[in-house]
Amino acid sequence: MVQQAYNRGESKKGNAMYFDDLYAPLGDMTDWQITAFAAAVSERIFPHFALYDELLENNRVSVARLALDKIWDQLAARGNCNTETQMAKVEAIVHSEEDTSFGAGLAFDALVAVMATIHCLEEASIEDASSVAHLAREAVAKYLELHVEEDMNDDELIRFISTHDMMEQELVFQVDVMQRLSALRTPKAAELDTIKVLAQANGVSNIGISVER
């Protein structure tokens, strides 16, 4: 599901950048750390679905928000998350593929990230966690592709995206989260709260999208 969704939404040139060893540290992490990483990165792109949902007046954002919050709660030992129930609820709000707009694609990816994180909670998967991270990078890549010169060739486009401040900031964030989690021997609620707040960035996504309150 995650890989199929990622293929559907990948940028024109961004995929070439993603075969790297950035996520090797996930291989040394425990299940809860892998899940927390996926949850943190999901927060980075969650506003994309929130805005899309608001613009269409679907009023479904609370479903995805609750699922992600329940994941954090279980990681912090504050509550339980029924993964089967939450997965079914999130799957039910995934919008039709008929909408091929930029915003719809970002919103779809945000929901895929939440579903992958739910799956990680049920059965931690480095593949799922890294796929969530790739979706966050894809959001940046697709956004940047909208702001490039038309005569830019493939190599120039890849270089423009991979060296852009926005992409570098996303990579710095992901590495920082992996380092923070690796430093924790147990899932301490206070530390997880700090990571969650950091990831949410006051409701602003990794490409500057937010929902006005």
Protein backbone atom coordinates (compact mmCIF):
# COMPACT_ATOMS: atom_id res chain seq x y z
CA MET A 1 0.00 0.00 0.00
CA VAL A 2 2.69 2.48 1.01
CA GLN A 3 4.99 1.73 -1.92
CA GLN A 4 2.12 1.87 -4.43
CA ALA A 5 1.00 5.19 -3.03
CA TYR A 6 4.53 6.55 -3.10
CA ASN A 7 4.90 5.58 -6.75
CA ARG A 8 1.63 7.32 -7.55
CA GLY A 9 2.75 10.61 -6.06
CA GLU A 10 6.48 10.78 -6.68
CA SER A 11 7.96 13.85 -8.34
CA LYS A 12 9.35 13.82 -11.84
CA LYS A 13 12.99 13.74 -10.80
CA GLY A 14 12.96 13.41 -7.02
CA ASN A 15 13.04 9.61 -6.88
CA ALA A 16 16.63 9.58 -8.16
CA MET A 17 17.79 11.24 -4.95
CA TYR A 18 16.33 8.76 -2.49
CA PHE A 19 18.52 5.70 -2.81
CA ASP A 20 20.93 6.60 -0.03
CA ASP A 21 22.03 5.44 3.40
CA LEU A 22 20.37 8.27 5.31
CA TYR A 23 18.01 5.86 7.04
CA ALA A 24 20.61 3.27 8.03
CA PRO A 25 20.22 4.31 11.72
CA LEU A 26 16.69 2.90 11.65
CA GLY A 27 18.24 -0.54 11.44
CA ASP A 28 19.65 -0.12 14.95
CA MET A 29 16.41 1.18 16.45
CA THR A 30 13.78 -0.66 18.46
CA ASP A 31 10.18 -0.95 17.30
CA TRP A 32 8.94 2.03 19.30
CA GLN A 33 11.76 4.24 18.01
CA ILE A 34 10.99 3.35 14.39
CA THR A 35 7.32 4.11 14.96
CA ALA A 36 8.08 7.40 16.68
CA PHE A 37 10.26 8.44 13.76
CA ALA A 38 7.43 7.69 11.32
CA ALA A 39 4.98 9.61 13.50
CA ALA A 40 7.26 12.63 13.72
CA VAL A 41 7.80 12.81 9.97
CA SER A 42 4.07 12.31 9.37
CA GLU A 43 3.47 15.45 11.42
CA ARG A 44 5.66 17.36 8.96
CA ILE A 45 3.21 16.78 6.12
CA PHE A 46 -0.06 16.41 8.05
CA PRO A 47 -1.05 20.06 7.35
CA HIS A 48 -1.29 19.16 3.65
CA PHE A 49 -4.27 16.94 4.33
CA ALA A 50 -5.70 19.37 6.88
CA LEU A 51 -5.75 22.22 4.36
CA TYR A 52 -7.13 20.06 1.55
CA ASP A 53 -9.88 18.79 3.84
CA GLU A 54 -10.76 22.33 4.91
CA LEU A 55 -10.90 23.67 1.36
CA LEU A 56 -13.25 20.88 0.31
CA GLU A 57 -15.24 21.23 3.55
CA ASN A 58 -15.14 17.46 4.09
CA ASN A 59 -14.64 17.75 7.86
CA ARG A 60 -12.60 14.54 8.00
CA VAL A 61 -9.33 15.86 9.34
CA SER A 62 -10.26 14.92 12.91
CA VAL A 63 -10.23 11.23 11.92
CA ALA A 64 -6.62 11.31 10.79
CA ARG A 65 -5.63 13.63 13.63
CA LEU A 66 -7.08 11.26 16.21
CA ALA A 67 -5.29 8.28 14.69
CA LEU A 68 -1.93 10.05 14.85
CA ASP A 69 -2.57 11.28 18.39
CA LYS A 70 -3.45 7.76 19.52
CA ILE A 71 -0.15 6.52 18.15
CA TRP A 72 1.73 9.13 20.17
CA ASP A 73 -0.34 8.27 23.25
CA GLN A 74 0.52 4.59 23.03
CA LEU A 75 4.19 5.32 22.50
CA ALA A 76 4.14 7.52 25.61
CA ALA A 77 2.14 4.90 27.57
CA ARG A 78 -0.80 7.29 27.96
CA GLY A 79 -3.31 5.11 26.16
CA ASN A 80 -3.86 2.38 23.61
CA CYS A 81 -4.30 2.54 19.86
CA ASN A 82 -6.41 -0.13 18.17
CA THR A 83 -4.44 -0.28 14.94
CA GLU A 84 -7.09 -2.23 13.04
CA THR A 85 -9.81 0.26 13.92
CA GLN A 86 -7.70 3.33 13.22
CA MET A 87 -6.43 1.95 9.92
CA ALA A 88 -9.98 1.28 8.76
CA LYS A 89 -11.07 4.78 9.72
CA VAL A 90 -8.19 6.48 7.90
CA GLU A 91 -8.59 4.30 4.80
CA ALA A 92 -12.25 5.34 4.69
CA ILE A 93 -11.37 9.02 4.28
CA VAL A 94 -8.80 8.62 1.50
CA HIS A 95 -10.06 10.72 -1.40
CA SER A 96 -10.60 9.59 -4.96
CA GLU A 97 -7.67 9.36 -7.35
CA GLU A 98 -9.76 11.34 -9.84
CA ASP A 99 -8.52 14.55 -8.23
CA THR A 100 -5.03 14.90 -9.67
CA SER A 101 -4.38 18.41 -8.37
CA PHE A 102 -1.19 19.34 -6.56
CA GLY A 103 -3.03 19.75 -3.28
CA ALA A 104 -4.82 16.43 -3.62
CA GLY A 105 -1.53 14.65 -4.18
CA LEU A 106 0.03 16.17 -1.08
CA ALA A 107 -3.07 15.35 0.97
CA PHE A 108 -3.05 11.76 -0.26
CA ASP A 109 0.60 11.38 0.70
CA ALA A 110 -0.13 12.75 4.18
CA LEU A 111 -2.78 10.08 4.72
CA VAL A 112 -0.47 7.38 3.39
CA ALA A 113 2.11 8.52 5.93
CA VAL A 114 -0.42 8.19 8.74
CA MET A 115 -1.42 4.71 7.56
CA ALA A 116 2.22 3.63 7.32
CA THR A 117 2.77 4.87 10.86
CA ILE A 118 -0.25 2.90 12.09
CA HIS A 119 1.25 -0.16 10.43
CA CYS A 120 4.56 0.55 12.16
CA LEU A 121 2.81 0.58 15.51
CA GLU A 122 1.31 -2.80 14.74
CA GLU A 123 4.48 -4.23 13.23
CA ALA A 124 7.50 -1.94 13.10
CA SER A 125 8.92 -1.72 9.61
CA ILE A 126 12.04 0.13 8.50
CA GLU A 127 10.61 0.12 4.97
CA ASP A 128 7.41 1.83 6.10
CA ALA A 129 9.27 4.36 8.23
CA SER A 130 11.67 5.27 5.44
CA SER A 131 8.75 5.46 3.00
CA VAL A 132 7.13 8.06 5.26
CA ALA A 133 10.39 9.98 5.24
CA HIS A 134 10.52 9.79 1.45
CA LEU A 135 6.98 11.15 1.24
CA ALA A 136 8.07 14.18 3.24
CA ARG A 137 11.01 14.69 0.90
CA GLU A 138 8.72 14.22 -2.07
CA ALA A 139 6.47 17.01 -0.80
CA VAL A 140 9.45 19.34 -0.88
CA ALA A 141 10.58 18.09 -4.30
CA LYS A 142 7.15 18.50 -5.88
CA TYR A 143 6.78 21.97 -4.40
CA LEU A 144 10.18 23.03 -5.71
CA GLU A 145 9.39 21.65 -9.17
CA LEU A 146 6.67 24.28 -9.39
CA HIS A 147 9.29 26.99 -9.03
CA VAL A 148 11.97 26.01 -11.51
CA GLU A 149 12.91 27.49 -14.84
CA GLU A 150 11.31 25.66 -17.76
CA ASP A 151 14.60 25.22 -19.60
CA MET A 152 16.28 23.42 -16.70
CA ASN A 153 17.56 19.98 -17.72
CA ASP A 154 17.27 16.83 -15.62
CA ASP A 155 20.65 17.13 -13.92
CA GLU A 156 20.08 20.79 -13.13
CA LEU A 157 16.65 20.01 -11.69
CA ILE A 158 17.98 17.26 -9.45
CA ARG A 159 20.78 19.52 -8.24
CA PHE A 160 18.36 22.40 -7.65
CA ILE A 161 16.06 20.24 -5.53
CA SER A 162 18.69 18.31 -3.61
CA THR A 163 20.68 21.42 -2.63
CA HIS A 164 17.75 23.73 -1.92
CA ASP A 165 17.51 25.11 1.63
CA MET A 166 14.03 23.65 2.01
CA MET A 167 15.25 20.14 1.23
CA GLU A 168 18.29 20.53 3.44
CA GLN A 169 16.05 21.65 6.31
CA GLU A 170 13.91 18.56 5.88
CA LEU A 171 16.95 16.28 5.94
CA VAL A 172 18.34 18.05 9.00
CA PHE A 173 15.01 17.55 10.76
CA GLN A 174 14.88 13.84 9.95
CA VAL A 175 18.46 13.24 11.07
CA ASP A 176 17.82 15.22 14.26
CA VAL A 177 14.77 13.09 15.10
CA MET A 178 16.69 9.86 14.51
CA GLN A 179 19.48 11.10 16.78
CA ARG A 180 17.05 12.16 19.50
CA LEU A 181 15.31 8.80 19.41
CA SER A 182 18.55 6.83 19.30
CA ALA A 183 19.64 8.60 22.48
CA LEU A 184 16.57 7.33 24.35
CA ARG A 185 16.76 3.88 25.89
CA THR A 186 13.07 3.90 26.78
CA PRO A 187 10.09 5.84 25.38
CA LYS A 188 9.99 8.74 27.83
CA ALA A 189 6.76 10.71 27.51
CA ALA A 190 8.39 14.12 28.00
CA GLU A 191 10.97 13.49 25.28
CA LEU A 192 8.35 12.18 22.88
CA ASP A 193 6.22 15.26 23.56
CA THR A 194 9.20 17.44 22.68
CA ILE A 195 9.72 15.59 19.39
CA LYS A 196 6.02 15.82 18.56
CA VAL A 197 5.92 19.57 19.18
CA LEU A 198 9.09 20.04 17.15
CA ALA A 199 7.61 18.05 14.28
CA GLN A 200 4.32 19.93 14.31
CA ALA A 201 6.15 23.26 14.01
CA ASN A 202 3.13 25.27 15.13
CA GLY A 203 1.02 23.72 12.39
CA VAL A 204 3.30 24.70 9.51
CA SER A 205 4.34 21.94 7.11
CA ASN A 206 7.76 21.32 5.62
CA ILE A 207 6.79 23.43 2.59
CA GLY A 208 5.20 26.24 4.59
CA ILE A 209 1.56 25.13 4.35
CA SER A 210 -0.73 25.67 7.33
CA VAL A 211 -4.39 25.91 8.19
CA GLU A 212 -5.44 29.25 9.64
CA ARG A 213 -7.26 29.03 12.94
